Amino acid sequence: MVAGKFLGRTAVIVVAILAGYATAGGVSMITADSFSPGIFGLYTLLTLLYGAVYVAIGIGASAFMKSRKTAFAIAIGLYMLFLLFWDVFLVLLQFASVGQELPESGLPEWIQFVGLLNPATASGYAARALVPEFHALTLFPESDAFYLQNWVGLVVLALWVVIPLAVGYARFERMDLH
């Protein structure tokens, strides 16, 4: 049941993203001085994964709600958390751990990792891993820590798909037994 919901809802997102990106890609091929179909394709795949993350989160959250309306509200709330309030949370972590003044060495790596757990930030890291040109467009702290490397963004995104679906599946299984 969970897999079917995920595949069906993700298919809707995939169609919408591909329609928009096909249009943008077509216009870019005609009008841009340089256009790389390979880079565009990789970024499109990353966008599809990013969309699948929010579908998975919504399905996982809906497993715990009694109504669709509540599940929808929770999904919107989580989306807002990630896009609007995550940075506030990181600032509060900074204040609690190192104070208002940022050390010369920058944020502690553990706070940077907490930032990377946000799907939007993970998507940025993943874009830098897949599309080297994206590196020049983004400002993420540089670190030698393995858990702050760009490829970790792909792992975090994959976990954001797998974990909510697994939790949702387990919840639905328990509900079926009762």
C-alpha atoms as a PDB file:
ATOM      1  CA  MET A   1       0.000   0.000   0.000  1.00  0.00           C
ATOM      2  CA  VAL A   2       2.769   2.446   0.934  1.00  0.00           C
ATOM      3  CA  ALA A   3       4.848   1.580  -2.135  1.00  0.00           C
ATOM      4  CA  GLY A   4       1.854   1.992  -4.425  1.00  0.00           C
ATOM      5  CA  LYS A   5       0.985   5.377  -2.948  1.00  0.00           C
ATOM      6  CA  PHE A   6       4.584   6.477  -3.243  1.00  0.00           C
ATOM      7  CA  LEU A   7       4.932   5.353  -6.847  1.00  0.00           C
ATOM      8  CA  GLY A   8       1.610   6.860  -7.900  1.00  0.00           C
ATOM      9  CA  ARG A   9       2.151  10.206  -6.225  1.00  0.00           C
ATOM     10  CA  THR A  10       5.749  10.373  -7.330  1.00  0.00           C
ATOM     11  CA  ALA A  11       4.636   9.701 -10.909  1.00  0.00           C
ATOM     12  CA  VAL A  12       2.445  12.801 -10.746  1.00  0.00           C
ATOM     13  CA  ILE A  13       5.397  14.866  -9.520  1.00  0.00           C
ATOM     14  CA  VAL A  14       7.678  13.347 -12.170  1.00  0.00           C
ATOM     15  CA  VAL A  15       5.286  14.256 -14.980  1.00  0.00           C
ATOM     16  CA  ALA A  16       4.964  17.829 -13.727  1.00  0.00           C
ATOM     17  CA  ILE A  17       8.719  18.283 -13.280  1.00  0.00           C
ATOM     18  CA  LEU A  18       9.559  16.712 -16.631  1.00  0.00           C
ATOM     19  CA  ALA A  19       6.989  18.866 -18.423  1.00  0.00           C
ATOM     20  CA  GLY A  20       8.436  22.013 -16.905  1.00  0.00           C
ATOM     21  CA  TYR A  21      12.040  21.002 -17.406  1.00  0.00           C
ATOM     22  CA  ALA A  22      11.414  19.845 -20.982  1.00  0.00           C
ATOM     23  CA  THR A  23      10.038  23.277 -21.772  1.00  0.00           C
ATOM     24  CA  ALA A  24      12.923  25.036 -20.037  1.00  0.00           C
ATOM     25  CA  GLY A  25      15.458  22.735 -21.678  1.00  0.00           C
ATOM     26  CA  GLY A  26      13.951  23.279 -25.110  1.00  0.00           C
ATOM     27  CA  VAL A  27      14.027  27.040 -24.729  1.00  0.00           C
ATOM     28  CA  SER A  28      17.589  26.880 -23.387  1.00  0.00           C
ATOM     29  CA  MET A  29      18.803  24.756 -26.298  1.00  0.00           C
ATOM     30  CA  ILE A  30      17.412  27.305 -28.732  1.00  0.00           C
ATOM     31  CA  THR A  31      18.394  30.521 -26.966  1.00  0.00           C
ATOM     32  CA  ALA A  32      21.393  29.821 -24.724  1.00  0.00           C
ATOM     33  CA  ASP A  33      24.951  30.279 -25.924  1.00  0.00           C
ATOM     34  CA  SER A  34      25.948  27.061 -24.225  1.00  0.00           C
ATOM     35  CA  PHE A  35      23.717  24.252 -23.072  1.00  0.00           C
ATOM     36  CA  SER A  36      24.873  20.937 -21.668  1.00  0.00           C
ATOM     37  CA  PRO A  37      22.237  18.218 -21.956  1.00  0.00           C
ATOM     38  CA  GLY A  38      24.267  16.028 -19.580  1.00  0.00           C
ATOM     39  CA  ILE A  39      24.361  18.604 -16.815  1.00  0.00           C
ATOM     40  CA  PHE A  40      20.727  19.495 -17.425  1.00  0.00           C
ATOM     41  CA  GLY A  41      19.801  15.804 -17.245  1.00  0.00           C
ATOM     42  CA  LEU A  42      21.667  15.286 -13.969  1.00  0.00           C
ATOM     43  CA  TYR A  43      20.030  18.316 -12.414  1.00  0.00           C
ATOM     44  CA  THR A  44      16.636  17.108 -13.633  1.00  0.00           C
ATOM     45  CA  LEU A  45      17.210  13.715 -11.984  1.00  0.00           C
ATOM     46  CA  LEU A  46      18.223  15.453  -8.773  1.00  0.00           C
ATOM     47  CA  THR A  47      15.037  17.523  -8.886  1.00  0.00           C
ATOM     48  CA  LEU A  48      13.009  14.336  -9.320  1.00  0.00           C
ATOM     49  CA  LEU A  49      14.718  12.858  -6.256  1.00  0.00           C
ATOM     50  CA  TYR A  50      14.041  16.049  -4.298  1.00  0.00           C
ATOM     51  CA  GLY A  51      10.369  15.864  -5.242  1.00  0.00           C
ATOM     52  CA  ALA A  52      10.262  12.205  -4.212  1.00  0.00           C
ATOM     53  CA  VAL A  53      11.627  13.197  -0.799  1.00  0.00           C
ATOM     54  CA  TYR A  54       8.592  15.346  -0.069  1.00  0.00           C
ATOM     55  CA  VAL A  55       6.223  12.694  -1.387  1.00  0.00           C
ATOM     56  CA  ALA A  56       7.840  10.149   0.953  1.00  0.00           C
ATOM     57  CA  ILE A  57       7.691  12.536   3.899  1.00  0.00           C
ATOM     58  CA  GLY A  58       4.016  13.202   3.206  1.00  0.00           C
ATOM     59  CA  ILE A  59       3.188   9.506   2.975  1.00  0.00           C
ATOM     60  CA  GLY A  60       5.166   8.711   6.115  1.00  0.00           C
ATOM     61  CA  ALA A  61       3.412  11.484   8.023  1.00  0.00           C
ATOM     62  CA  SER A  62      -0.005  10.467   6.720  1.00  0.00           C
ATOM     63  CA  ALA A  63       0.419   7.024   8.255  1.00  0.00           C
ATOM     64  CA  PHE A  64       0.043   8.629  11.675  1.00  0.00           C
ATOM     65  CA  MET A  65      -2.919  10.858  10.893  1.00  0.00           C
ATOM     66  CA  LYS A  66      -6.577   9.958  11.049  1.00  0.00           C
ATOM     67  CA  SER A  67      -7.637  12.305   8.265  1.00  0.00           C
ATOM     68  CA  ARG A  68      -6.244  13.469   4.953  1.00  0.00           C
ATOM     69  CA  LYS A  69      -6.697  17.071   6.036  1.00  0.00           C
ATOM     70  CA  THR A  70      -4.467  16.574   9.087  1.00  0.00           C
ATOM     71  CA  ALA A  71      -1.880  14.680   7.042  1.00  0.00           C
ATOM     72  CA  PHE A  72      -1.853  17.475   4.473  1.00  0.00           C
ATOM     73  CA  ALA A  73      -1.427  20.088   7.205  1.00  0.00           C
ATOM     74  CA  ILE A  74       1.472  18.123   8.713  1.00  0.00           C
ATOM     75  CA  ALA A  75       3.131  17.770   5.302  1.00  0.00           C
ATOM     76  CA  ILE A  76       2.805  21.520   4.676  1.00  0.00           C
ATOM     77  CA  GLY A  77       4.132  22.198   8.179  1.00  0.00           C
ATOM     78  CA  LEU A  78       7.174  20.013   7.572  1.00  0.00           C
ATOM     79  CA  TYR A  79       7.787  21.695   4.227  1.00  0.00           C
ATOM     80  CA  MET A  80       7.655  25.083   5.959  1.00  0.00           C
ATOM     81  CA  LEU A  81       9.982  23.801   8.679  1.00  0.00           C
ATOM     82  CA  PHE A  82      12.563  22.811   6.100  1.00  0.00           C
ATOM     83  CA  LEU A  83      12.295  25.921   3.953  1.00  0.00           C
ATOM     84  CA  LEU A  84      11.500  28.657   6.459  1.00  0.00           C
ATOM     85  CA  PHE A  85      12.433  27.644   9.975  1.00  0.00           C
ATOM     86  CA  TRP A  86      15.434  25.318   9.679  1.00  0.00           C
ATOM     87  CA  ASP A  87      17.868  28.223   9.518  1.00  0.00           C
ATOM     88  CA  VAL A  88      16.297  29.723  12.644  1.00  0.00           C
ATOM     89  CA  PHE A  89      16.822  26.373  14.359  1.00  0.00           C
ATOM     90  CA  LEU A  90      20.488  26.392  13.271  1.00  0.00           C
ATOM     91  CA  VAL A  91      20.974  29.911  14.619  1.00  0.00           C
ATOM     92  CA  LEU A  92      19.488  28.817  17.946  1.00  0.00           C
ATOM     93  CA  LEU A  93      21.901  25.864  17.984  1.00  0.00           C
ATOM     94  CA  GLN A  94      24.753  28.253  17.285  1.00  0.00           C
ATOM     95  CA  PHE A  95      23.708  30.585  20.106  1.00  0.00           C
ATOM     96  CA  ALA A  96      23.382  27.662  22.506  1.00  0.00           C
ATOM     97  CA  SER A  97      26.720  26.100  21.598  1.00  0.00           C
ATOM     98  CA  VAL A  98      29.125  28.918  20.659  1.00  0.00           C
ATOM     99  CA  GLY A  99      27.242  32.120  21.453  1.00  0.00           C
ATOM    100  CA  GLN A 100      26.228  35.011  19.247  1.00  0.00           C
ATOM    101  CA  GLU A 101      29.667  35.592  17.807  1.00  0.00           C
ATOM    102  CA  LEU A 102      30.681  33.073  15.195  1.00  0.00           C
ATOM    103  CA  PRO A 103      34.149  31.674  15.907  1.00  0.00           C
ATOM    104  CA  GLU A 104      36.849  32.472  13.341  1.00  0.00           C
ATOM    105  CA  SER A 105      36.908  28.786  12.471  1.00  0.00           C
ATOM    106  CA  GLY A 106      33.226  28.982  11.517  1.00  0.00           C
ATOM    107  CA  LEU A 107      30.326  26.904  12.711  1.00  0.00           C
ATOM    108  CA  PRO A 108      31.168  23.662  14.463  1.00  0.00           C
ATOM    109  CA  GLU A 109      31.009  20.775  12.023  1.00  0.00           C
ATOM    110  CA  TRP A 110      28.207  19.092  13.944  1.00  0.00           C
ATOM    111  CA  ILE A 111      25.982  22.152  13.397  1.00  0.00           C
ATOM    112  CA  GLN A 112      26.902  22.130   9.716  1.00  0.00           C
ATOM    113  CA  PHE A 113      25.840  18.483   9.596  1.00  0.00           C
ATOM    114  CA  VAL A 114      22.509  19.300  11.243  1.00  0.00           C
ATOM    115  CA  GLY A 115      22.078  21.884   8.491  1.00  0.00           C
ATOM    116  CA  LEU A 116      22.822  19.223   5.881  1.00  0.00           C
ATOM    117  CA  LEU A 117      19.993  17.075   7.250  1.00  0.00           C
ATOM    118  CA  ASN A 118      17.515  19.557   5.771  1.00  0.00           C
ATOM    119  CA  PRO A 119      16.399  18.131   2.402  1.00  0.00           C
ATOM    120  CA  ALA A 120      16.777  21.534   0.728  1.00  0.00           C
ATOM    121  CA  THR A 121      20.374  21.855   1.919  1.00  0.00           C
ATOM    122  CA  ALA A 122      21.084  18.215   1.087  1.00  0.00           C
ATOM    123  CA  SER A 123      19.828  18.925  -2.418  1.00  0.00           C
ATOM    124  CA  GLY A 124      22.335  21.765  -2.719  1.00  0.00           C
ATOM    125  CA  TYR A 125      25.180  19.528  -1.587  1.00  0.00           C
ATOM    126  CA  ALA A 126      24.021  16.815  -3.994  1.00  0.00           C
ATOM    127  CA  ALA A 127      23.883  19.328  -6.846  1.00  0.00           C
ATOM    128  CA  ARG A 128      27.479  20.267  -6.113  1.00  0.00           C
ATOM    129  CA  ALA A 129      28.426  16.579  -6.189  1.00  0.00           C
ATOM    130  CA  LEU A 130      26.688  15.905  -9.509  1.00  0.00           C
ATOM    131  CA  VAL A 131      27.240  19.203 -11.295  1.00  0.00           C
ATOM    132  CA  PRO A 132      30.667  20.707 -10.589  1.00  0.00           C
ATOM    133  CA  GLU A 133      29.562  24.017 -12.117  1.00  0.00           C
ATOM    134  CA  PHE A 134      27.003  24.335  -9.344  1.00  0.00           C
ATOM    135  CA  HIS A 135      29.867  24.684  -6.869  1.00  0.00           C
ATOM    136  CA  ALA A 136      30.499  28.259  -8.011  1.00  0.00           C
ATOM    137  CA  LEU A 137      26.854  29.184  -7.418  1.00  0.00           C
ATOM    138  CA  THR A 138      26.554  27.981  -3.828  1.00  0.00           C
ATOM    139  CA  LEU A 139      28.158  28.893  -0.552  1.00  0.00           C
ATOM    140  CA  PHE A 140      28.556  25.960   1.775  1.00  0.00           C
ATOM    141  CA  PRO A 141      31.342  25.792   4.335  1.00  0.00           C
ATOM    142  CA  GLU A 142      34.296  23.729   3.192  1.00  0.00           C
ATOM    143  CA  SER A 143      35.241  20.858   5.452  1.00  0.00           C
ATOM    144  CA  ASP A 144      37.445  17.803   5.445  1.00  0.00           C
ATOM    145  CA  ALA A 145      34.917  15.868   7.527  1.00  0.00           C
ATOM    146  CA  PHE A 146      33.617  12.962   5.456  1.00  0.00           C
ATOM    147  CA  TYR A 147      30.054  13.642   6.619  1.00  0.00           C
ATOM    148  CA  LEU A 148      30.166  17.152   5.127  1.00  0.00           C
ATOM    149  CA  GLN A 149      31.301  16.178   1.643  1.00  0.00           C
ATOM    150  CA  ASN A 150      29.020  17.001  -1.262  1.00  0.00           C
ATOM    151  CA  TRP A 151      28.146  13.355  -1.993  1.00  0.00           C
ATOM    152  CA  VAL A 152      26.621  13.064   1.481  1.00  0.00           C
ATOM    153  CA  GLY A 153      23.759  15.206   0.180  1.00  0.00           C
ATOM    154  CA  LEU A 154      22.729  12.302  -2.057  1.00  0.00           C
ATOM    155  CA  VAL A 155      22.805   9.913   0.899  1.00  0.00           C
ATOM    156  CA  VAL A 156      20.716  12.281   3.022  1.00  0.00           C
ATOM    157  CA  LEU A 157      18.141  12.646   0.229  1.00  0.00           C
ATOM    158  CA  ALA A 158      17.965   8.872  -0.198  1.00  0.00           C
ATOM    159  CA  LEU A 159      17.460   8.464   3.544  1.00  0.00           C
ATOM    160  CA  TRP A 160      14.671  11.057   3.442  1.00  0.00           C
ATOM    161  CA  VAL A 161      12.914   8.784   0.955  1.00  0.00           C
ATOM    162  CA  VAL A 162      13.605   5.450   2.645  1.00  0.00           C
ATOM    163  CA  ILE A 163      13.040   6.298   6.320  1.00  0.00           C
ATOM    164  CA  PRO A 164       9.606   7.968   6.050  1.00  0.00           C
ATOM    165  CA  LEU A 165       8.404   5.181   3.756  1.00  0.00           C
ATOM    166  CA  ALA A 166       9.703   2.511   6.144  1.00  0.00           C
ATOM    167  CA  VAL A 167       8.068   4.242   9.112  1.00  0.00           C
ATOM    168  CA  GLY A 168       4.827   4.626   7.161  1.00  0.00           C
ATOM    169  CA  TYR A 169       4.935   0.988   6.105  1.00  0.00           C
ATOM    170  CA  ALA A 170       5.512  -0.176   9.678  1.00  0.00           C
ATOM    171  CA  ARG A 171       2.641   1.988  10.902  1.00  0.00           C
ATOM    172  CA  PHE A 172       0.247   0.715   8.230  1.00  0.00           C
ATOM    173  CA  GLU A 173       1.246  -2.869   9.029  1.00  0.00           C
ATOM    174  CA  ARG A 174       0.506  -2.337  12.729  1.00  0.00           C
ATOM    175  CA  MET A 175      -2.843  -0.746  11.903  1.00  0.00           C
ATOM    176  CA  ASP A 176      -3.777  -3.718   9.701  1.00  0.00           C
ATOM    177  CA  LEU A 177      -3.131  -6.092  12.598  1.00  0.00           C
ATOM    178  CA  HIS A 178      -5.578  -4.285  14.891  1.00  0.00           C
END
